[in-house]
Amino acid sequence: MNLLVALGGNALEDGSQPTAENQLKVIKSAMVYLADLIQAGHELVISHGNGPQVGRILVQNEAAKALTPPLPLDVCGAMTQGAIGYQLQQAMQAELAGRGINKPVVSLVTQVMVDLADPGFQNPSKPVGIFYTKEEADKIQEADPDFVMKEDAGRGWRRVVASPKPAGIREIQAIQTLIKSGCVVIACGGGGIPVVKDGRGVKGVAAVIDKDFASELLAEELNADTLIILTGVDQVCLNYNKPGQKNLKTMNLTEAEEYIAQGQFAPGSMLPKVQAAMQFVRSKKGRRALITSLQKVAPSLKGENGTWLQE
């Protein structure tokens, strides 16, 4: 089976000090679960989030702006895409080698086209960086009005930035070539670097593309059988963290639309995951999407866990 696996940025951290060393340790553990899928015979393309990581670079920008010019948001995205991709690549290479699997792993810095007319530029909605209390968020926004702070799914307050929809993947032919040559490809990290047309080429813009929508587009372009979106819960829930919480094993498109209309899924959290899954299922007959946790991905593919979305 050809799988596109979208790994959340928060899944690359374990709550310990967010150092490069600790992140690599978490990534090494994560690659065990994904290598299980390769060993089972699945073809894998991996994408990943970068919300916490790019947020920390933005914090570093602010802290050091008196000493060095702050980096543009698209460059921050490229930095995290390269750094996380490097660690994923290194960890997967080691894990596969330990299993006697001779399969190249390649991380590709990926640019994704966006449209400046996208309403996402007028209504920043993508959470990035660390969580704050309400009081801390108010102080940050008061000190710098360019920082837009919003509450994130009951977990605290975070900075939000423009999040336009992906309109095209610049390196899609290169990705297809690498897959045909037998590589495990890591692409569209952090949703890809957002770019717009500029003469004969492109230029970066200040935004963060939602990883789930970029992963969905990549899955479509690669004609994947299944889009797997990995998150912090084993299954999609109704009434999440409320009395009467209900875990869902399956959803069809009609049910998913009804749940969205009821406000069941938090914006910036589960909502884009469900919407991306719906978009993939609609894109071609027979396609399915799975939302689950990293730890449950293998049993979920066998129907033992997770939430499957289909027509």
C-alpha atoms as a PDB file:
ATOM      1  CA  MET A   1       0.000   0.000   0.000  1.00  0.00           C
ATOM      2  CA  ASN A   2       1.243   3.504  -0.825  1.00  0.00           C
ATOM      3  CA  LEU A   3       0.964   5.647   2.309  1.00  0.00           C
ATOM      4  CA  LEU A   4       1.420   9.354   2.915  1.00  0.00           C
ATOM      5  CA  VAL A   5       2.122   9.801   6.628  1.00  0.00           C
ATOM      6  CA  ALA A   6       1.762  13.278   8.136  1.00  0.00           C
ATOM      7  CA  LEU A   7       3.608  13.541  11.440  1.00  0.00           C
ATOM      8  CA  GLY A   8       2.611  16.432  13.722  1.00  0.00           C
ATOM      9  CA  GLY A   9       5.211  18.897  14.967  1.00  0.00           C
ATOM     10  CA  ASN A  10       4.089  18.353  18.556  1.00  0.00           C
ATOM     11  CA  ALA A  11       4.706  14.612  18.089  1.00  0.00           C
ATOM     12  CA  LEU A  12       8.410  15.422  17.771  1.00  0.00           C
ATOM     13  CA  GLU A  13       8.562  16.612  21.377  1.00  0.00           C
ATOM     14  CA  ASP A  14       7.984  14.890  24.720  1.00  0.00           C
ATOM     15  CA  GLY A  15       7.625  17.803  27.120  1.00  0.00           C
ATOM     16  CA  SER A  16      11.288  17.813  28.109  1.00  0.00           C
ATOM     17  CA  GLN A  17      13.685  20.672  27.383  1.00  0.00           C
ATOM     18  CA  PRO A  18      13.221  21.401  23.650  1.00  0.00           C
ATOM     19  CA  THR A  19      16.841  20.931  22.609  1.00  0.00           C
ATOM     20  CA  ALA A  20      18.035  19.458  19.315  1.00  0.00           C
ATOM     21  CA  GLU A  21      19.346  16.468  21.240  1.00  0.00           C
ATOM     22  CA  ASN A  22      16.007  15.776  22.922  1.00  0.00           C
ATOM     23  CA  GLN A  23      14.149  16.221  19.639  1.00  0.00           C
ATOM     24  CA  LEU A  24      16.413  13.678  17.943  1.00  0.00           C
ATOM     25  CA  LYS A  25      15.777  11.255  20.800  1.00  0.00           C
ATOM     26  CA  VAL A  26      12.011  11.581  20.303  1.00  0.00           C
ATOM     27  CA  ILE A  27      12.374  11.261  16.531  1.00  0.00           C
ATOM     28  CA  LYS A  28      14.399   8.058  16.904  1.00  0.00           C
ATOM     29  CA  SER A  29      11.538   6.580  18.934  1.00  0.00           C
ATOM     30  CA  ALA A  30       8.994   7.767  16.363  1.00  0.00           C
ATOM     31  CA  MET A  31      10.841   6.177  13.453  1.00  0.00           C
ATOM     32  CA  VAL A  32      10.452   2.751  15.057  1.00  0.00           C
ATOM     33  CA  TYR A  33       6.706   2.929  14.425  1.00  0.00           C
ATOM     34  CA  LEU A  34       7.093   4.164  10.848  1.00  0.00           C
ATOM     35  CA  ALA A  35       9.809   1.623  10.054  1.00  0.00           C
ATOM     36  CA  ASP A  36       7.313  -1.071  11.120  1.00  0.00           C
ATOM     37  CA  LEU A  37       5.134   0.039   8.200  1.00  0.00           C
ATOM     38  CA  ILE A  38       8.034  -0.175   5.755  1.00  0.00           C
ATOM     39  CA  GLN A  39       8.980  -3.601   7.072  1.00  0.00           C
ATOM     40  CA  ALA A  40       5.375  -4.702   6.564  1.00  0.00           C
ATOM     41  CA  GLY A  41       5.766  -3.885   2.865  1.00  0.00           C
ATOM     42  CA  HIS A  42       4.171  -0.439   2.610  1.00  0.00           C
ATOM     43  CA  GLU A  43       5.673   2.336   0.484  1.00  0.00           C
ATOM     44  CA  LEU A  44       6.061   5.437   2.642  1.00  0.00           C
ATOM     45  CA  VAL A  45       6.288   9.181   2.052  1.00  0.00           C
ATOM     46  CA  ILE A  46       6.615  11.254   5.228  1.00  0.00           C
ATOM     47  CA  SER A  47       5.603  14.841   5.888  1.00  0.00           C
ATOM     48  CA  HIS A  48       5.845  16.622   9.213  1.00  0.00           C
ATOM     49  CA  GLY A  49       4.720  19.673  11.148  1.00  0.00           C
ATOM     50  CA  ASN A  50       6.940  22.407  12.555  1.00  0.00           C
ATOM     51  CA  GLY A  51       4.677  24.599  14.703  1.00  0.00           C
ATOM     52  CA  PRO A  52       6.619  24.426  17.984  1.00  0.00           C
ATOM     53  CA  GLN A  53       9.979  24.527  16.226  1.00  0.00           C
ATOM     54  CA  VAL A  54       9.324  27.530  13.981  1.00  0.00           C
ATOM     55  CA  GLY A  55       7.735  29.286  16.948  1.00  0.00           C
ATOM     56  CA  ARG A  56      10.951  28.979  18.924  1.00  0.00           C
ATOM     57  CA  ILE A  57      12.933  30.480  16.077  1.00  0.00           C
ATOM     58  CA  LEU A  58      10.513  33.406  16.085  1.00  0.00           C
ATOM     59  CA  VAL A  59      11.092  33.811  19.838  1.00  0.00           C
ATOM     60  CA  GLN A  60      14.843  33.758  19.205  1.00  0.00           C
ATOM     61  CA  ASN A  61      14.347  36.406  16.515  1.00  0.00           C
ATOM     62  CA  GLU A  62      12.671  38.699  19.021  1.00  0.00           C
ATOM     63  CA  ALA A  63      15.221  38.071  21.753  1.00  0.00           C
ATOM     64  CA  ALA A  64      18.194  38.748  19.464  1.00  0.00           C
ATOM     65  CA  LYS A  65      16.844  41.531  17.226  1.00  0.00           C
ATOM     66  CA  ALA A  66      19.089  44.119  18.867  1.00  0.00           C
ATOM     67  CA  LEU A  67      22.129  42.060  17.846  1.00  0.00           C
ATOM     68  CA  THR A  68      21.170  40.525  14.492  1.00  0.00           C
ATOM     69  CA  PRO A  69      18.395  41.147  11.937  1.00  0.00           C
ATOM     70  CA  PRO A  70      15.344  38.889  12.438  1.00  0.00           C
ATOM     71  CA  LEU A  71      14.851  36.194   9.813  1.00  0.00           C
ATOM     72  CA  PRO A  72      11.757  36.288   7.572  1.00  0.00           C
ATOM     73  CA  LEU A  73       9.041  33.752   8.380  1.00  0.00           C
ATOM     74  CA  ASP A  74       9.574  31.776   5.152  1.00  0.00           C
ATOM     75  CA  VAL A  75      13.265  31.422   5.965  1.00  0.00           C
ATOM     76  CA  CYS A  76      12.378  30.253   9.489  1.00  0.00           C
ATOM     77  CA  GLY A  77      10.148  27.630   7.873  1.00  0.00           C
ATOM     78  CA  ALA A  78      12.959  26.523   5.579  1.00  0.00           C
ATOM     79  CA  MET A  79      15.332  26.236   8.541  1.00  0.00           C
ATOM     80  CA  THR A  80      12.958  24.008  10.495  1.00  0.00           C
ATOM     81  CA  GLN A  81      12.121  21.936   7.408  1.00  0.00           C
ATOM     82  CA  GLY A  82      15.797  21.275   6.834  1.00  0.00           C
ATOM     83  CA  ALA A  83      16.625  20.607  10.491  1.00  0.00           C
ATOM     84  CA  ILE A  84      13.675  18.307  11.215  1.00  0.00           C
ATOM     85  CA  GLY A  85      14.054  16.560   7.866  1.00  0.00           C
ATOM     86  CA  TYR A  86      17.729  15.937   8.606  1.00  0.00           C
ATOM     87  CA  GLN A  87      16.911  14.337  11.956  1.00  0.00           C
ATOM     88  CA  LEU A  88      14.065  12.244  10.509  1.00  0.00           C
ATOM     89  CA  GLN A  89      16.323  11.104   7.690  1.00  0.00           C
ATOM     90  CA  GLN A  90      19.172  10.216  10.029  1.00  0.00           C
ATOM     91  CA  ALA A  91      16.925   8.340  12.464  1.00  0.00           C
ATOM     92  CA  MET A  92      15.060   6.414   9.749  1.00  0.00           C
ATOM     93  CA  GLN A  93      18.310   5.439   8.022  1.00  0.00           C
ATOM     94  CA  ALA A  94      19.643   4.012  11.289  1.00  0.00           C
ATOM     95  CA  GLU A  95      16.382   2.213  12.106  1.00  0.00           C
ATOM     96  CA  LEU A  96      16.132   0.571   8.677  1.00  0.00           C
ATOM     97  CA  ALA A  97      19.807  -0.406   8.720  1.00  0.00           C
ATOM     98  CA  GLY A  98      19.278  -2.058  12.107  1.00  0.00           C
ATOM     99  CA  ARG A  99      16.539  -4.184  10.524  1.00  0.00           C
ATOM    100  CA  GLY A 100      18.644  -5.116   7.523  1.00  0.00           C
ATOM    101  CA  ILE A 101      16.488  -3.054   5.151  1.00  0.00           C
ATOM    102  CA  ASN A 102      18.531  -1.439   2.392  1.00  0.00           C
ATOM    103  CA  LYS A 103      16.357   1.515   1.401  1.00  0.00           C
ATOM    104  CA  PRO A 104      17.632   5.073   0.832  1.00  0.00           C
ATOM    105  CA  VAL A 105      16.022   7.881   2.837  1.00  0.00           C
ATOM    106  CA  VAL A 106      15.952  11.387   1.365  1.00  0.00           C
ATOM    107  CA  SER A 107      14.768  14.662   2.906  1.00  0.00           C
ATOM    108  CA  LEU A 108      13.792  17.264   0.308  1.00  0.00           C
ATOM    109  CA  VAL A 109      13.395  20.968   1.062  1.00  0.00           C
ATOM    110  CA  THR A 110      10.015  21.651  -0.560  1.00  0.00           C
ATOM    111  CA  GLN A 111       8.424  24.880  -1.791  1.00  0.00           C
ATOM    112  CA  VAL A 112       4.632  25.104  -1.965  1.00  0.00           C
ATOM    113  CA  MET A 113       2.737  27.629  -4.064  1.00  0.00           C
ATOM    114  CA  VAL A 114       0.121  29.852  -2.401  1.00  0.00           C
ATOM    115  CA  ASP A 115      -2.145  32.664  -3.606  1.00  0.00           C
ATOM    116  CA  LEU A 116      -1.765  36.143  -2.089  1.00  0.00           C
ATOM    117  CA  ALA A 117      -5.537  36.578  -2.496  1.00  0.00           C
ATOM    118  CA  ASP A 118      -6.146  33.645  -0.147  1.00  0.00           C
ATOM    119  CA  PRO A 119      -8.307  34.792   2.817  1.00  0.00           C
ATOM    120  CA  GLY A 120      -5.813  33.142   5.154  1.00  0.00           C
ATOM    121  CA  PHE A 121      -3.617  36.232   4.795  1.00  0.00           C
ATOM    122  CA  GLN A 122      -6.391  38.459   6.169  1.00  0.00           C
ATOM    123  CA  ASN A 123      -7.288  36.176   9.087  1.00  0.00           C
ATOM    124  CA  PRO A 124      -4.195  34.647  10.759  1.00  0.00           C
ATOM    125  CA  SER A 125      -5.146  31.265  12.223  1.00  0.00           C
ATOM    126  CA  LYS A 126      -2.132  28.928  12.290  1.00  0.00           C
ATOM    127  CA  PRO A 127      -0.704  28.368  15.804  1.00  0.00           C
ATOM    128  CA  VAL A 128       3.084  28.398  16.040  1.00  0.00           C
ATOM    129  CA  GLY A 129       5.488  28.217  18.923  1.00  0.00           C
ATOM    130  CA  ILE A 130       5.115  27.623  22.617  1.00  0.00           C
ATOM    131  CA  PHE A 131       2.003  27.877  24.802  1.00  0.00           C
ATOM    132  CA  TYR A 132       1.368  30.875  27.069  1.00  0.00           C
ATOM    133  CA  THR A 133      -1.109  31.759  29.777  1.00  0.00           C
ATOM    134  CA  LYS A 134      -3.747  34.375  28.963  1.00  0.00           C
ATOM    135  CA  GLU A 135      -1.826  36.962  30.974  1.00  0.00           C
ATOM    136  CA  GLU A 136       1.448  36.234  29.173  1.00  0.00           C
ATOM    137  CA  ALA A 137      -0.295  36.358  25.773  1.00  0.00           C
ATOM    138  CA  ASP A 138      -1.844  39.763  26.572  1.00  0.00           C
ATOM    139  CA  LYS A 139       1.547  41.185  27.522  1.00  0.00           C
ATOM    140  CA  ILE A 140       3.187  39.874  24.328  1.00  0.00           C
ATOM    141  CA  GLN A 141       0.473  41.275  22.077  1.00  0.00           C
ATOM    142  CA  GLU A 142       0.535  44.616  23.882  1.00  0.00           C
ATOM    143  CA  ALA A 143       4.300  44.860  23.428  1.00  0.00           C
ATOM    144  CA  ASP A 144       4.126  43.938  19.721  1.00  0.00           C
ATOM    145  CA  PRO A 145       0.777  44.376  17.890  1.00  0.00           C
ATOM    146  CA  ASP A 146       2.160  42.345  14.963  1.00  0.00           C
ATOM    147  CA  PHE A 147       1.919  39.298  17.211  1.00  0.00           C
ATOM    148  CA  VAL A 148      -1.632  37.894  17.026  1.00  0.00           C
ATOM    149  CA  MET A 149      -2.371  35.611  19.989  1.00  0.00           C
ATOM    150  CA  LYS A 150      -5.275  33.138  20.160  1.00  0.00           C
ATOM    151  CA  GLU A 151      -6.416  30.372  22.492  1.00  0.00           C
ATOM    152  CA  ASP A 152      -5.521  26.906  21.136  1.00  0.00           C
ATOM    153  CA  ALA A 153      -7.990  24.076  21.866  1.00  0.00           C
ATOM    154  CA  GLY A 154      -7.977  24.540  25.643  1.00  0.00           C
ATOM    155  CA  ARG A 155      -4.216  24.007  25.865  1.00  0.00           C
ATOM    156  CA  GLY A 156      -3.182  27.644  26.280  1.00  0.00           C
ATOM    157  CA  TRP A 157      -2.487  30.688  24.122  1.00  0.00           C
ATOM    158  CA  ARG A 158      -0.168  30.728  21.098  1.00  0.00           C
ATOM    159  CA  ARG A 159       0.923  33.097  18.373  1.00  0.00           C
ATOM    160  CA  VAL A 160      -1.029  32.620  15.125  1.00  0.00           C
ATOM    161  CA  VAL A 161       0.150  33.526  11.627  1.00  0.00           C
ATOM    162  CA  ALA A 162      -1.316  33.555   8.114  1.00  0.00           C
ATOM    163  CA  SER A 163      -2.154  30.075   6.837  1.00  0.00           C
ATOM    164  CA  PRO A 164      -3.102  30.064   3.135  1.00  0.00           C
ATOM    165  CA  LYS A 165      -4.147  26.839   1.385  1.00  0.00           C
ATOM    166  CA  PRO A 166      -1.491  25.058  -0.706  1.00  0.00           C
ATOM    167  CA  ALA A 167      -1.975  25.442  -4.464  1.00  0.00           C
ATOM    168  CA  GLY A 168       0.906  23.439  -5.912  1.00  0.00           C
ATOM    169  CA  ILE A 169       4.111  21.631  -4.979  1.00  0.00           C
ATOM    170  CA  ARG A 170       7.152  22.965  -6.818  1.00  0.00           C
ATOM    171  CA  GLU A 171       9.301  19.863  -6.362  1.00  0.00           C
ATOM    172  CA  ILE A 172       6.620  17.261  -7.163  1.00  0.00           C
ATOM    173  CA  GLN A 173       8.516  15.802 -10.141  1.00  0.00           C
ATOM    174  CA  ALA A 174      11.671  15.410  -8.072  1.00  0.00           C
ATOM    175  CA  ILE A 175       9.661  13.673  -5.329  1.00  0.00           C
ATOM    176  CA  GLN A 176       8.095  11.298  -7.864  1.00  0.00           C
ATOM    177  CA  THR A 177      11.519  10.485  -9.303  1.00  0.00           C
ATOM    178  CA  LEU A 178      12.941   9.715  -5.857  1.00  0.00           C
ATOM    179  CA  ILE A 179       9.998   7.425  -5.030  1.00  0.00           C
ATOM    180  CA  LYS A 180      10.387   5.537  -8.311  1.00  0.00           C
ATOM    181  CA  SER A 181      14.052   4.968  -7.462  1.00  0.00           C
ATOM    182  CA  GLY A 182      13.016   3.245  -4.219  1.00  0.00           C
ATOM    183  CA  CYS A 183      13.630   6.042  -1.720  1.00  0.00           C
ATOM    184  CA  VAL A 184      11.699   6.823   1.437  1.00  0.00           C
ATOM    185  CA  VAL A 185      11.020  10.519   0.865  1.00  0.00           C
ATOM    186  CA  ILE A 186      10.504  13.199   3.521  1.00  0.00           C
ATOM    187  CA  ALA A 187       8.837  16.216   1.900  1.00  0.00           C
ATOM    188  CA  CYS A 188       6.568  19.216   2.493  1.00  0.00           C
ATOM    189  CA  GLY A 189       7.897  19.585   6.026  1.00  0.00           C
ATOM    190  CA  GLY A 190       5.998  22.174   8.023  1.00  0.00           C
ATOM    191  CA  GLY A 191       3.502  22.415   5.177  1.00  0.00           C
ATOM    192  CA  GLY A 192       6.273  23.425   2.790  1.00  0.00           C
ATOM    193  CA  ILE A 193       7.876  26.835   2.318  1.00  0.00           C
ATOM    194  CA  PRO A 194       5.108  29.176   1.100  1.00  0.00           C
ATOM    195  CA  VAL A 195       6.034  30.879  -2.169  1.00  0.00           C
ATOM    196  CA  VAL A 196       4.315  32.955  -4.865  1.00  0.00           C
ATOM    197  CA  LYS A 197       5.235  33.611  -8.477  1.00  0.00           C
ATOM    198  CA  ASP A 198       7.923  36.243  -9.021  1.00  0.00           C
ATOM    199  CA  GLY A 199       8.892  36.770 -12.645  1.00  0.00           C
ATOM    200  CA  ARG A 200      10.413  33.541 -13.919  1.00  0.00           C
ATOM    201  CA  GLY A 201      10.731  32.115 -10.438  1.00  0.00           C
ATOM    202  CA  VAL A 202       9.139  32.364  -7.014  1.00  0.00           C
ATOM    203  CA  LYS A 203       9.641  34.260  -3.764  1.00  0.00           C
ATOM    204  CA  GLY A 204       8.816  33.386  -0.177  1.00  0.00           C
ATOM    205  CA  VAL A 205       5.969  34.991   1.764  1.00  0.00           C
ATOM    206  CA  ALA A 206       5.257  35.412   5.489  1.00  0.00           C
ATOM    207  CA  ALA A 207       2.972  32.475   6.250  1.00  0.00           C
ATOM    208  CA  VAL A 208       2.845  28.907   7.532  1.00  0.00           C
ATOM    209  CA  ILE A 209       0.886  26.432   5.414  1.00  0.00           C
ATOM    210  CA  ASP A 210      -1.085  23.914   7.448  1.00  0.00           C
ATOM    211  CA  LYS A 211       0.826  20.635   7.376  1.00  0.00           C
ATOM    212  CA  ASP A 212      -2.340  18.568   6.996  1.00  0.00           C
ATOM    213  CA  PHE A 213      -3.553  20.385   3.872  1.00  0.00           C
ATOM    214  CA  ALA A 214      -0.082  20.304   2.296  1.00  0.00           C
ATOM    215  CA  SER A 215       0.139  16.585   3.093  1.00  0.00           C
ATOM    216  CA  GLU A 216      -3.267  16.030   1.506  1.00  0.00           C
ATOM    217  CA  LEU A 217      -2.181  17.786  -1.679  1.00  0.00           C
ATOM    218  CA  LEU A 218       1.042  15.761  -1.740  1.00  0.00           C
ATOM    219  CA  ALA A 219      -0.936  12.537  -1.252  1.00  0.00           C
ATOM    220  CA  GLU A 220      -3.178  13.473  -4.198  1.00  0.00           C
ATOM    221  CA  GLU A 221      -0.245  14.371  -6.450  1.00  0.00           C
ATOM    222  CA  LEU A 222       1.500  11.082  -5.621  1.00  0.00           C
ATOM    223  CA  ASN A 223      -1.708   9.040  -6.057  1.00  0.00           C
ATOM    224  CA  ALA A 224      -1.366   7.564  -2.563  1.00  0.00           C
ATOM    225  CA  ASP A 225      -3.840   4.902  -1.464  1.00  0.00           C
ATOM    226  CA  THR A 226      -4.166   6.224   2.080  1.00  0.00           C
ATOM    227  CA  LEU A 227      -3.492   9.508   3.854  1.00  0.00           C
ATOM    228  CA  ILE A 228      -2.480   8.948   7.474  1.00  0.00           C
ATOM    229  CA  ILE A 229      -2.606  11.950   9.792  1.00  0.00           C
ATOM    230  CA  LEU A 230      -0.851  11.294  13.098  1.00  0.00           C
ATOM    231  CA  THR A 231      -1.843  13.361  16.098  1.00  0.00           C
ATOM    232  CA  GLY A 232      -1.874  13.301  19.904  1.00  0.00           C
ATOM    233  CA  VAL A 233      -4.974  11.113  20.306  1.00  0.00           C
ATOM    234  CA  ASP A 234      -5.718   7.558  19.196  1.00  0.00           C
ATOM    235  CA  GLN A 235      -9.089   8.440  17.677  1.00  0.00           C
ATOM    236  CA  VAL A 236     -11.157  11.450  16.663  1.00  0.00           C
ATOM    237  CA  CYS A 237     -13.589  12.313  19.451  1.00  0.00           C
ATOM    238  CA  LEU A 238     -16.946  13.977  19.823  1.00  0.00           C
ATOM    239  CA  ASN A 239     -17.304  16.228  22.884  1.00  0.00           C
ATOM    240  CA  TYR A 240     -13.544  16.101  23.351  1.00  0.00           C
ATOM    241  CA  ASN A 241     -12.506  16.515  27.000  1.00  0.00           C
ATOM    242  CA  LYS A 242     -16.162  17.026  27.962  1.00  0.00           C
ATOM    243  CA  PRO A 243     -18.792  14.851  29.621  1.00  0.00           C
ATOM    244  CA  GLY A 244     -20.041  12.270  27.163  1.00  0.00           C
ATOM    245  CA  GLN A 245     -16.850  12.119  25.110  1.00  0.00           C
ATOM    246  CA  LYS A 246     -17.230   9.555  22.308  1.00  0.00           C
ATOM    247  CA  ASN A 247     -14.404   8.068  20.281  1.00  0.00           C
ATOM    248  CA  LEU A 248     -15.108   7.441  16.607  1.00  0.00           C
ATOM    249  CA  LYS A 249     -13.911   4.337  14.765  1.00  0.00           C
ATOM    250  CA  THR A 250     -15.261   5.522  11.404  1.00  0.00           C
ATOM    251  CA  MET A 251     -16.777   8.577   9.764  1.00  0.00           C
ATOM    252  CA  ASN A 252     -18.258   9.029   6.351  1.00  0.00           C
ATOM    253  CA  LEU A 253     -18.259  12.370   4.561  1.00  0.00           C
ATOM    254  CA  THR A 254     -21.836  13.215   5.512  1.00  0.00           C
ATOM    255  CA  GLU A 255     -21.201  12.513   9.196  1.00  0.00           C
ATOM    256  CA  ALA A 256     -17.997  14.537   9.143  1.00  0.00           C
ATOM    257  CA  GLU A 257     -19.860  17.523   7.669  1.00  0.00           C
ATOM    258  CA  GLU A 258     -22.482  17.271  10.410  1.00  0.00           C
ATOM    259  CA  TYR A 259     -19.860  17.138  13.160  1.00  0.00           C
ATOM    260  CA  ILE A 260     -18.087  20.183  11.706  1.00  0.00           C
ATOM    261  CA  ALA A 261     -21.400  22.088  11.612  1.00  0.00           C
ATOM    262  CA  GLN A 262     -21.881  21.212  15.297  1.00  0.00           C
ATOM    263  CA  GLY A 263     -18.481  22.707  16.123  1.00  0.00           C
ATOM    264  CA  GLN A 264     -17.096  19.384  17.332  1.00  0.00           C
ATOM    265  CA  PHE A 265     -13.549  19.936  16.078  1.00  0.00           C
ATOM    266  CA  ALA A 266     -11.297  22.737  17.304  1.00  0.00           C
ATOM    267  CA  PRO A 267      -9.893  25.154  14.671  1.00  0.00           C
ATOM    268  CA  GLY A 268      -6.118  24.907  14.422  1.00  0.00           C
ATOM    269  CA  SER A 269      -6.233  21.455  16.023  1.00  0.00           C
ATOM    270  CA  MET A 270      -8.524  18.598  14.934  1.00  0.00           C
ATOM    271  CA  LEU A 271     -10.598  20.600  12.428  1.00  0.00           C
ATOM    272  CA  PRO A 272      -7.909  20.932   9.712  1.00  0.00           C
ATOM    273  CA  LYS A 273      -7.049  17.244  10.118  1.00  0.00           C
ATOM    274  CA  VAL A 274     -10.639  16.190   9.499  1.00  0.00           C
ATOM    275  CA  GLN A 275     -11.017  18.675   6.622  1.00  0.00           C
ATOM    276  CA  ALA A 276      -7.797  17.462   4.973  1.00  0.00           C
ATOM    277  CA  ALA A 277      -8.925  13.860   5.363  1.00  0.00           C
ATOM    278  CA  MET A 278     -12.288  14.716   3.776  1.00  0.00           C
ATOM    279  CA  GLN A 279     -10.581  16.483   0.873  1.00  0.00           C
ATOM    280  CA  PHE A 280      -8.422  13.443   0.165  1.00  0.00           C
ATOM    281  CA  VAL A 281     -11.349  11.017   0.301  1.00  0.00           C
ATOM    282  CA  ARG A 282     -13.325  13.218  -2.100  1.00  0.00           C
ATOM    283  CA  SER A 283     -10.410  13.522  -4.535  1.00  0.00           C
ATOM    284  CA  LYS A 284     -10.760  10.026  -6.031  1.00  0.00           C
ATOM    285  CA  LYS A 285     -13.070   7.078  -5.528  1.00  0.00           C
ATOM    286  CA  GLY A 286     -11.674   4.421  -3.195  1.00  0.00           C
ATOM    287  CA  ARG A 287      -9.300   6.673  -1.300  1.00  0.00           C
ATOM    288  CA  ARG A 288      -9.337   6.524   2.504  1.00  0.00           C
ATOM    289  CA  ALA A 289      -7.864   8.580   5.302  1.00  0.00           C
ATOM    290  CA  LEU A 290      -6.826   7.542   8.800  1.00  0.00           C
ATOM    291  CA  ILE A 291      -6.432   9.783  11.851  1.00  0.00           C
ATOM    292  CA  THR A 292      -4.683   8.237  14.841  1.00  0.00           C
ATOM    293  CA  SER A 293      -1.653   8.469  17.114  1.00  0.00           C
ATOM    294  CA  LEU A 294       1.879   7.484  16.169  1.00  0.00           C
ATOM    295  CA  GLN A 295       1.845   4.628  18.661  1.00  0.00           C
ATOM    296  CA  LYS A 296      -1.344   3.134  17.209  1.00  0.00           C
ATOM    297  CA  VAL A 297      -0.592   3.551  13.515  1.00  0.00           C
ATOM    298  CA  ALA A 298       0.220  -0.105  12.751  1.00  0.00           C
ATOM    299  CA  PRO A 299      -2.821  -1.619  14.536  1.00  0.00           C
ATOM    300  CA  SER A 300      -5.001   1.155  13.093  1.00  0.00           C
ATOM    301  CA  LEU A 301      -4.035   0.123   9.566  1.00  0.00           C
ATOM    302  CA  LYS A 302      -5.418  -3.304  10.479  1.00  0.00           C
ATOM    303  CA  GLY A 303      -8.681  -1.720  11.669  1.00  0.00           C
ATOM    304  CA  GLU A 304      -7.937  -2.207  15.371  1.00  0.00           C
ATOM    305  CA  ASN A 305      -7.780   1.470  16.326  1.00  0.00           C
ATOM    306  CA  GLY A 306      -7.806   4.988  14.905  1.00  0.00           C
ATOM    307  CA  THR A 307     -10.572   6.786  13.024  1.00  0.00           C
ATOM    308  CA  TRP A 308     -11.115   5.908   9.359  1.00  0.00           C
ATOM    309  CA  LEU A 309     -12.747   8.399   7.040  1.00  0.00           C
ATOM    310  CA  GLN A 310     -14.254   7.134   3.810  1.00  0.00           C
ATOM    311  CA  GLU A 311     -17.099   7.885   1.420  1.00  0.00           C
END
